[in-house]
Amino acid sequence: MLKKVVLGVLVFGFAIGITAFYAPSTFSSPFPQSQAQPPLEIDQVKKWIQQQSLKKDHYLEELAFQEINLDQDEAAEVVATITGGAHLGTFFLFDKQANGSYQLISEQSWKIDSLDLEQPVMEIGDKRIYQIVHHSGGTGVSVDTAVLWYVDKGRFVEAWSGELKEVSTFQEEYYVKYGSYYVDGENLYYSTTSYKRPDSDTKAATVFNQKTSAYTFNGTIFEAVTK
């Protein structure tokens, strides 16, 4: 069954639909815990990261986590983030295995300032698709990227990604691109507008480059539509 969702995101300096991600000191799970399963402690999540991450020098003092059921099974997954410097961060996703242990199924170098996983942004068939906005960049460059993803049979699947905002300064040239996406059923439309001007010129831009691309869901990802 296809649940038709129309979603628009327009971001210029901010991302909509994002709420604060729970820090360990204020975390509360949206799912009731049975007496047989005590609440997950942050030290346990730290231990999983230390044991399973390819990187062994994470700064775990900035760790936050959340338990939430992201797919169609009965077990809650565990999502964790570490926020580092201006462009540094890590995203972890742990899936519960048949023997009760948790397996790291995704580790991404994403700086996520805030996160809302209470509801998927869309559902296609039995797939609950969520959005993450992560920040990246470097000297003179700042980029916000949206990622649409889901969990399917213990696998992390990145269904689509696109830049919502890019601002850069290079060789005295100031460049801005902002984007939005719109989902209609199993089709996704991604539009961008960009402009550039001399870095020293503060007058409003009058020349813009606009582009729209179409994607369709092929059962796994949103695939670009070609003529």
C-alpha atoms as a PDB file:
ATOM      1  CA  MET A   1       0.000   0.000   0.000  1.00  0.00           C
ATOM      2  CA  LEU A   2       1.345   3.416  -0.877  1.00  0.00           C
ATOM      3  CA  LYS A   3       0.721   6.180   1.589  1.00  0.00           C
ATOM      4  CA  LYS A   4       0.765   9.314  -0.499  1.00  0.00           C
ATOM      5  CA  VAL A   5       2.694  12.114   1.123  1.00  0.00           C
ATOM      6  CA  VAL A   6       3.370  15.563  -0.206  1.00  0.00           C
ATOM      7  CA  LEU A   7       6.391  17.108   1.422  1.00  0.00           C
ATOM      8  CA  GLY A   8       8.126  20.356   0.710  1.00  0.00           C
ATOM      9  CA  VAL A   9      11.316  21.527   2.275  1.00  0.00           C
ATOM     10  CA  LEU A  10      12.696  24.975   1.624  1.00  0.00           C
ATOM     11  CA  VAL A  11      15.790  25.826   3.530  1.00  0.00           C
ATOM     12  CA  PHE A  12      17.919  28.926   3.474  1.00  0.00           C
ATOM     13  CA  GLY A  13      19.911  29.154   6.631  1.00  0.00           C
ATOM     14  CA  PHE A  14      17.603  26.784   8.498  1.00  0.00           C
ATOM     15  CA  ALA A  15      15.944  23.353   8.167  1.00  0.00           C
ATOM     16  CA  ILE A  16      12.285  22.827   8.984  1.00  0.00           C
ATOM     17  CA  GLY A  17      10.801  19.949  10.862  1.00  0.00           C
ATOM     18  CA  ILE A  18      13.826  19.427  13.097  1.00  0.00           C
ATOM     19  CA  THR A  19      13.626  19.350  16.888  1.00  0.00           C
ATOM     20  CA  ALA A  20      16.312  18.957  19.508  1.00  0.00           C
ATOM     21  CA  PHE A  21      17.974  15.579  19.833  1.00  0.00           C
ATOM     22  CA  TYR A  22      17.897  14.197  23.339  1.00  0.00           C
ATOM     23  CA  ALA A  23      21.057  14.613  25.406  1.00  0.00           C
ATOM     24  CA  PRO A  24      21.835  11.823  27.864  1.00  0.00           C
ATOM     25  CA  SER A  25      20.897  13.891  30.917  1.00  0.00           C
ATOM     26  CA  THR A  26      17.396  14.613  29.573  1.00  0.00           C
ATOM     27  CA  PHE A  27      16.744  11.517  27.466  1.00  0.00           C
ATOM     28  CA  SER A  28      13.480   9.673  27.780  1.00  0.00           C
ATOM     29  CA  SER A  29      12.423   6.919  25.427  1.00  0.00           C
ATOM     30  CA  PRO A  30       9.082   7.270  23.587  1.00  0.00           C
ATOM     31  CA  PHE A  31       8.566   3.538  24.076  1.00  0.00           C
ATOM     32  CA  PRO A  32       7.539   1.992  27.381  1.00  0.00           C
ATOM     33  CA  GLN A  33      10.135  -0.265  28.952  1.00  0.00           C
ATOM     34  CA  SER A  34       9.028  -3.594  30.359  1.00  0.00           C
ATOM     35  CA  GLN A  35      10.234  -4.729  33.774  1.00  0.00           C
ATOM     36  CA  ALA A  36      12.271  -7.446  32.072  1.00  0.00           C
ATOM     37  CA  GLN A  37      14.157  -4.837  30.001  1.00  0.00           C
ATOM     38  CA  PRO A  38      15.561  -1.923  32.005  1.00  0.00           C
ATOM     39  CA  PRO A  39      16.169   1.429  30.287  1.00  0.00           C
ATOM     40  CA  LEU A  40      19.276   1.560  28.127  1.00  0.00           C
ATOM     41  CA  GLU A  41      22.169   3.363  29.800  1.00  0.00           C
ATOM     42  CA  ILE A  42      24.560   5.669  27.991  1.00  0.00           C
ATOM     43  CA  ASP A  43      27.570   3.661  29.219  1.00  0.00           C
ATOM     44  CA  GLN A  44      26.262   0.653  27.297  1.00  0.00           C
ATOM     45  CA  VAL A  45      26.001   2.701  24.093  1.00  0.00           C
ATOM     46  CA  LYS A  46      29.556   3.976  24.635  1.00  0.00           C
ATOM     47  CA  LYS A  47      30.726   0.382  25.023  1.00  0.00           C
ATOM     48  CA  TRP A  48      29.070  -0.654  21.735  1.00  0.00           C
ATOM     49  CA  ILE A  49      30.762   2.235  19.927  1.00  0.00           C
ATOM     50  CA  GLN A  50      34.156   1.427  21.383  1.00  0.00           C
ATOM     51  CA  GLN A  51      33.791  -2.243  20.456  1.00  0.00           C
ATOM     52  CA  GLN A  52      32.277  -1.907  16.971  1.00  0.00           C
ATOM     53  CA  SER A  53      33.315   1.439  15.476  1.00  0.00           C
ATOM     54  CA  LEU A  54      36.206   1.473  13.029  1.00  0.00           C
ATOM     55  CA  LYS A  55      37.385   4.683  14.683  1.00  0.00           C
ATOM     56  CA  LYS A  56      38.712   4.241  18.204  1.00  0.00           C
ATOM     57  CA  ASP A  57      39.189   7.833  19.380  1.00  0.00           C
ATOM     58  CA  HIS A  58      35.638   9.193  19.491  1.00  0.00           C
ATOM     59  CA  TYR A  59      35.002  12.041  21.928  1.00  0.00           C
ATOM     60  CA  LEU A  60      32.188  10.299  23.788  1.00  0.00           C
ATOM     61  CA  GLU A  61      31.484  13.143  26.203  1.00  0.00           C
ATOM     62  CA  GLU A  62      29.283  14.691  23.490  1.00  0.00           C
ATOM     63  CA  LEU A  63      27.306  11.470  22.893  1.00  0.00           C
ATOM     64  CA  ALA A  64      23.499  11.529  22.723  1.00  0.00           C
ATOM     65  CA  PHE A  65      21.232   8.589  21.884  1.00  0.00           C
ATOM     66  CA  GLN A  66      17.638   7.574  21.339  1.00  0.00           C
ATOM     67  CA  GLU A  67      15.748   4.272  21.270  1.00  0.00           C
ATOM     68  CA  ILE A  68      13.060   4.146  18.590  1.00  0.00           C
ATOM     69  CA  ASN A  69      11.455   1.545  16.354  1.00  0.00           C
ATOM     70  CA  LEU A  70      12.376   2.611  12.823  1.00  0.00           C
ATOM     71  CA  ASP A  71      11.129  -0.395  10.871  1.00  0.00           C
ATOM     72  CA  GLN A  72       8.391  -3.033  10.912  1.00  0.00           C
ATOM     73  CA  ASP A  73       9.756  -5.431  13.518  1.00  0.00           C
ATOM     74  CA  GLU A  74       9.015  -5.237  17.240  1.00  0.00           C
ATOM     75  CA  ALA A  75      12.491  -4.252  18.460  1.00  0.00           C
ATOM     76  CA  ALA A  76      13.629  -0.665  18.866  1.00  0.00           C
ATOM     77  CA  GLU A  77      16.781   0.462  17.117  1.00  0.00           C
ATOM     78  CA  VAL A  78      19.316   2.718  18.848  1.00  0.00           C
ATOM     79  CA  VAL A  79      20.382   5.943  17.153  1.00  0.00           C
ATOM     80  CA  ALA A  80      23.381   7.815  18.560  1.00  0.00           C
ATOM     81  CA  THR A  81      25.218  10.981  17.577  1.00  0.00           C
ATOM     82  CA  ILE A  82      28.433  12.683  18.571  1.00  0.00           C
ATOM     83  CA  THR A  83      28.728  16.418  17.943  1.00  0.00           C
ATOM     84  CA  GLY A  84      32.243  17.723  17.583  1.00  0.00           C
ATOM     85  CA  GLY A  85      33.555  21.002  16.168  1.00  0.00           C
ATOM     86  CA  ALA A  86      31.990  23.288  13.578  1.00  0.00           C
ATOM     87  CA  HIS A  87      31.834  20.574  10.918  1.00  0.00           C
ATOM     88  CA  LEU A  88      32.617  17.422  12.889  1.00  0.00           C
ATOM     89  CA  GLY A  89      30.256  14.730  14.081  1.00  0.00           C
ATOM     90  CA  THR A  90      29.313  11.065  13.815  1.00  0.00           C
ATOM     91  CA  PHE A  91      26.037   9.202  13.365  1.00  0.00           C
ATOM     92  CA  PHE A  92      25.585   5.608  14.585  1.00  0.00           C
ATOM     93  CA  LEU A  93      22.704   3.204  14.074  1.00  0.00           C
ATOM     94  CA  PHE A  94      22.447  -0.057  16.044  1.00  0.00           C
ATOM     95  CA  ASP A  95      19.999  -2.841  15.181  1.00  0.00           C
ATOM     96  CA  LYS A  96      18.873  -5.490  17.675  1.00  0.00           C
ATOM     97  CA  GLN A  97      19.820  -9.019  16.657  1.00  0.00           C
ATOM     98  CA  ALA A  98      17.958 -12.280  17.234  1.00  0.00           C
ATOM     99  CA  ASN A  99      20.215 -13.134  20.193  1.00  0.00           C
ATOM    100  CA  GLY A 100      19.415  -9.811  21.909  1.00  0.00           C
ATOM    101  CA  SER A 101      22.718  -8.096  21.100  1.00  0.00           C
ATOM    102  CA  TYR A 102      22.990  -4.816  19.175  1.00  0.00           C
ATOM    103  CA  GLN A 103      24.923  -4.596  15.919  1.00  0.00           C
ATOM    104  CA  LEU A 104      26.303  -1.394  14.404  1.00  0.00           C
ATOM    105  CA  ILE A 105      24.738  -1.232  10.928  1.00  0.00           C
ATOM    106  CA  SER A 106      25.679   2.326   9.964  1.00  0.00           C
ATOM    107  CA  GLU A 107      28.392   4.784  10.921  1.00  0.00           C
ATOM    108  CA  GLN A 108      28.488   8.106   9.083  1.00  0.00           C
ATOM    109  CA  SER A 109      30.711  11.167   9.479  1.00  0.00           C
ATOM    110  CA  TRP A 110      27.713  13.462   9.847  1.00  0.00           C
ATOM    111  CA  LYS A 111      27.452  16.532  12.074  1.00  0.00           C
ATOM    112  CA  ILE A 112      23.798  16.571  13.138  1.00  0.00           C
ATOM    113  CA  ASP A 113      22.837  19.553  15.262  1.00  0.00           C
ATOM    114  CA  SER A 114      19.267  18.393  15.870  1.00  0.00           C
ATOM    115  CA  LEU A 115      17.177  15.381  14.987  1.00  0.00           C
ATOM    116  CA  ASP A 116      13.526  14.340  14.969  1.00  0.00           C
ATOM    117  CA  LEU A 117      12.703  10.675  14.482  1.00  0.00           C
ATOM    118  CA  GLU A 118       9.298  10.629  16.158  1.00  0.00           C
ATOM    119  CA  GLN A 119       7.576  10.237  12.789  1.00  0.00           C
ATOM    120  CA  PRO A 120       8.848   9.273   9.330  1.00  0.00           C
ATOM    121  CA  VAL A 121       8.646  11.999   6.702  1.00  0.00           C
ATOM    122  CA  MET A 122       6.940   9.512   4.374  1.00  0.00           C
ATOM    123  CA  GLU A 123       5.977   5.849   4.026  1.00  0.00           C
ATOM    124  CA  ILE A 124       6.249   3.877   0.803  1.00  0.00           C
ATOM    125  CA  GLY A 125       4.875   0.378   1.121  1.00  0.00           C
ATOM    126  CA  ASP A 126       6.322  -1.067   4.324  1.00  0.00           C
ATOM    127  CA  LYS A 127       9.273   1.354   4.319  1.00  0.00           C
ATOM    128  CA  ARG A 128       9.323   4.151   6.892  1.00  0.00           C
ATOM    129  CA  ILE A 129      11.543   6.848   5.442  1.00  0.00           C
ATOM    130  CA  TYR A 130      13.198   9.404   7.731  1.00  0.00           C
ATOM    131  CA  GLN A 131      15.102  12.624   7.143  1.00  0.00           C
ATOM    132  CA  ILE A 132      18.424  13.687   8.576  1.00  0.00           C
ATOM    133  CA  VAL A 133      20.044  17.058   7.878  1.00  0.00           C
ATOM    134  CA  HIS A 134      23.796  17.102   8.429  1.00  0.00           C
ATOM    135  CA  HIS A 135      26.293  19.929   8.233  1.00  0.00           C
ATOM    136  CA  SER A 136      29.675  19.832   6.528  1.00  0.00           C
ATOM    137  CA  GLY A 137      32.235  22.252   5.189  1.00  0.00           C
ATOM    138  CA  GLY A 138      35.658  23.714   5.730  1.00  0.00           C
ATOM    139  CA  THR A 139      37.487  26.974   5.230  1.00  0.00           C
ATOM    140  CA  GLY A 140      35.123  29.265   3.355  1.00  0.00           C
ATOM    141  CA  VAL A 141      32.523  26.550   2.723  1.00  0.00           C
ATOM    142  CA  SER A 142      29.335  25.632   4.615  1.00  0.00           C
ATOM    143  CA  VAL A 143      26.889  22.965   3.387  1.00  0.00           C
ATOM    144  CA  ASP A 144      23.639  21.532   4.772  1.00  0.00           C
ATOM    145  CA  THR A 145      22.563  18.232   3.199  1.00  0.00           C
ATOM    146  CA  ALA A 146      19.289  16.341   3.578  1.00  0.00           C
ATOM    147  CA  VAL A 147      19.385  12.541   3.607  1.00  0.00           C
ATOM    148  CA  LEU A 148      16.319  10.326   3.239  1.00  0.00           C
ATOM    149  CA  TRP A 149      16.909   6.871   4.711  1.00  0.00           C
ATOM    150  CA  TYR A 150      15.245   3.823   6.219  1.00  0.00           C
ATOM    151  CA  VAL A 151      15.980   0.489   7.877  1.00  0.00           C
ATOM    152  CA  ASP A 152      15.076  -2.662   5.965  1.00  0.00           C
ATOM    153  CA  LYS A 153      15.708  -6.154   7.366  1.00  0.00           C
ATOM    154  CA  GLY A 154      18.588  -4.961   9.501  1.00  0.00           C
ATOM    155  CA  ARG A 155      20.161  -2.804   6.760  1.00  0.00           C
ATOM    156  CA  PHE A 156      20.597   0.963   6.658  1.00  0.00           C
ATOM    157  CA  VAL A 157      19.487   2.237   3.245  1.00  0.00           C
ATOM    158  CA  GLU A 158      20.210   5.774   2.022  1.00  0.00           C
ATOM    159  CA  ALA A 159      17.360   6.420  -0.396  1.00  0.00           C
ATOM    160  CA  TRP A 160      18.299   9.950  -1.528  1.00  0.00           C
ATOM    161  CA  SER A 161      20.375  12.970  -0.593  1.00  0.00           C
ATOM    162  CA  GLY A 162      20.492  16.565  -1.764  1.00  0.00           C
ATOM    163  CA  GLU A 163      21.968  19.860  -0.660  1.00  0.00           C
ATOM    164  CA  LEU A 164      19.612  22.281   1.039  1.00  0.00           C
ATOM    165  CA  LYS A 165      22.145  25.063   1.376  1.00  0.00           C
ATOM    166  CA  GLU A 166      25.682  25.766   0.209  1.00  0.00           C
ATOM    167  CA  VAL A 167      27.556  28.994   0.889  1.00  0.00           C
ATOM    168  CA  SER A 168      31.171  29.449  -0.145  1.00  0.00           C
ATOM    169  CA  THR A 169      33.775  32.107  -0.749  1.00  0.00           C
ATOM    170  CA  PHE A 170      36.625  31.371  -3.155  1.00  0.00           C
ATOM    171  CA  GLN A 171      39.029  33.692  -4.947  1.00  0.00           C
ATOM    172  CA  GLU A 172      36.987  36.760  -3.966  1.00  0.00           C
ATOM    173  CA  GLU A 173      33.773  35.212  -5.301  1.00  0.00           C
ATOM    174  CA  TYR A 174      30.721  34.610  -3.097  1.00  0.00           C
ATOM    175  CA  TYR A 175      28.527  31.647  -4.105  1.00  0.00           C
ATOM    176  CA  VAL A 176      25.145  30.562  -2.715  1.00  0.00           C
ATOM    177  CA  LYS A 177      22.954  27.599  -3.608  1.00  0.00           C
ATOM    178  CA  TYR A 178      19.759  26.636  -1.834  1.00  0.00           C
ATOM    179  CA  GLY A 179      17.493  23.709  -2.558  1.00  0.00           C
ATOM    180  CA  SER A 180      14.209  22.058  -1.721  1.00  0.00           C
ATOM    181  CA  TYR A 181      12.558  18.735  -2.411  1.00  0.00           C
ATOM    182  CA  TYR A 182       8.949  17.770  -2.936  1.00  0.00           C
ATOM    183  CA  VAL A 183       7.584  14.245  -2.748  1.00  0.00           C
ATOM    184  CA  ASP A 184       4.452  13.222  -4.639  1.00  0.00           C
ATOM    185  CA  GLY A 185       3.681   9.532  -4.153  1.00  0.00           C
ATOM    186  CA  GLU A 186       6.737   7.603  -5.337  1.00  0.00           C
ATOM    187  CA  ASN A 187       8.212  10.591  -7.182  1.00  0.00           C
ATOM    188  CA  LEU A 188      10.630  13.162  -5.773  1.00  0.00           C
ATOM    189  CA  TYR A 189      11.369  16.551  -7.309  1.00  0.00           C
ATOM    190  CA  TYR A 190      14.524  18.404  -6.302  1.00  0.00           C
ATOM    191  CA  SER A 191      14.959  22.074  -7.196  1.00  0.00           C
ATOM    192  CA  THR A 192      17.960  24.347  -6.678  1.00  0.00           C
ATOM    193  CA  THR A 193      18.592  28.040  -7.165  1.00  0.00           C
ATOM    194  CA  SER A 194      22.122  29.421  -7.160  1.00  0.00           C
ATOM    195  CA  TYR A 195      23.882  32.711  -7.739  1.00  0.00           C
ATOM    196  CA  LYS A 196      27.300  34.242  -7.357  1.00  0.00           C
ATOM    197  CA  ARG A 197      28.712  37.722  -6.988  1.00  0.00           C
ATOM    198  CA  PRO A 198      31.997  39.401  -6.095  1.00  0.00           C
ATOM    199  CA  ASP A 199      32.710  38.924  -2.413  1.00  0.00           C
ATOM    200  CA  SER A 200      33.053  42.667  -1.891  1.00  0.00           C
ATOM    201  CA  ASP A 201      29.725  43.474  -3.606  1.00  0.00           C
ATOM    202  CA  THR A 202      26.692  43.539  -1.297  1.00  0.00           C
ATOM    203  CA  LYS A 203      24.139  44.455  -3.965  1.00  0.00           C
ATOM    204  CA  ALA A 204      21.283  42.002  -4.522  1.00  0.00           C
ATOM    205  CA  ALA A 205      21.968  39.336  -7.129  1.00  0.00           C
ATOM    206  CA  THR A 206      19.979  39.606 -10.381  1.00  0.00           C
ATOM    207  CA  VAL A 207      21.197  36.536 -12.280  1.00  0.00           C
ATOM    208  CA  PHE A 208      20.150  33.084 -11.020  1.00  0.00           C
ATOM    209  CA  ASN A 209      20.723  29.526 -12.151  1.00  0.00           C
ATOM    210  CA  GLN A 210      17.701  27.318 -11.487  1.00  0.00           C
ATOM    211  CA  LYS A 211      17.393  23.570 -11.982  1.00  0.00           C
ATOM    212  CA  THR A 212      14.829  20.869 -11.177  1.00  0.00           C
ATOM    213  CA  SER A 213      15.506  17.129 -11.300  1.00  0.00           C
ATOM    214  CA  ALA A 214      13.020  14.268 -11.033  1.00  0.00           C
ATOM    215  CA  TYR A 215      13.520  10.982  -9.170  1.00  0.00           C
ATOM    216  CA  THR A 216      11.305   7.946  -8.800  1.00  0.00           C
ATOM    217  CA  PHE A 217      11.388   5.257  -6.120  1.00  0.00           C
ATOM    218  CA  ASN A 218      12.593   1.976  -7.647  1.00  0.00           C
ATOM    219  CA  GLY A 219      11.811  -0.142  -4.600  1.00  0.00           C
ATOM    220  CA  THR A 220      15.101   0.661  -2.882  1.00  0.00           C
ATOM    221  CA  ILE A 221      16.195   4.245  -3.638  1.00  0.00           C
ATOM    222  CA  PHE A 222      14.984   7.353  -5.428  1.00  0.00           C
ATOM    223  CA  GLU A 223      16.545   6.972  -8.874  1.00  0.00           C
ATOM    224  CA  ALA A 224      17.094   9.897 -11.247  1.00  0.00           C
ATOM    225  CA  VAL A 225      14.662  10.030 -14.141  1.00  0.00           C
ATOM    226  CA  THR A 226      16.345  10.403 -17.501  1.00  0.00           C
ATOM    227  CA  LYS A 227      14.700  11.493 -20.725  1.00  0.00           C
END
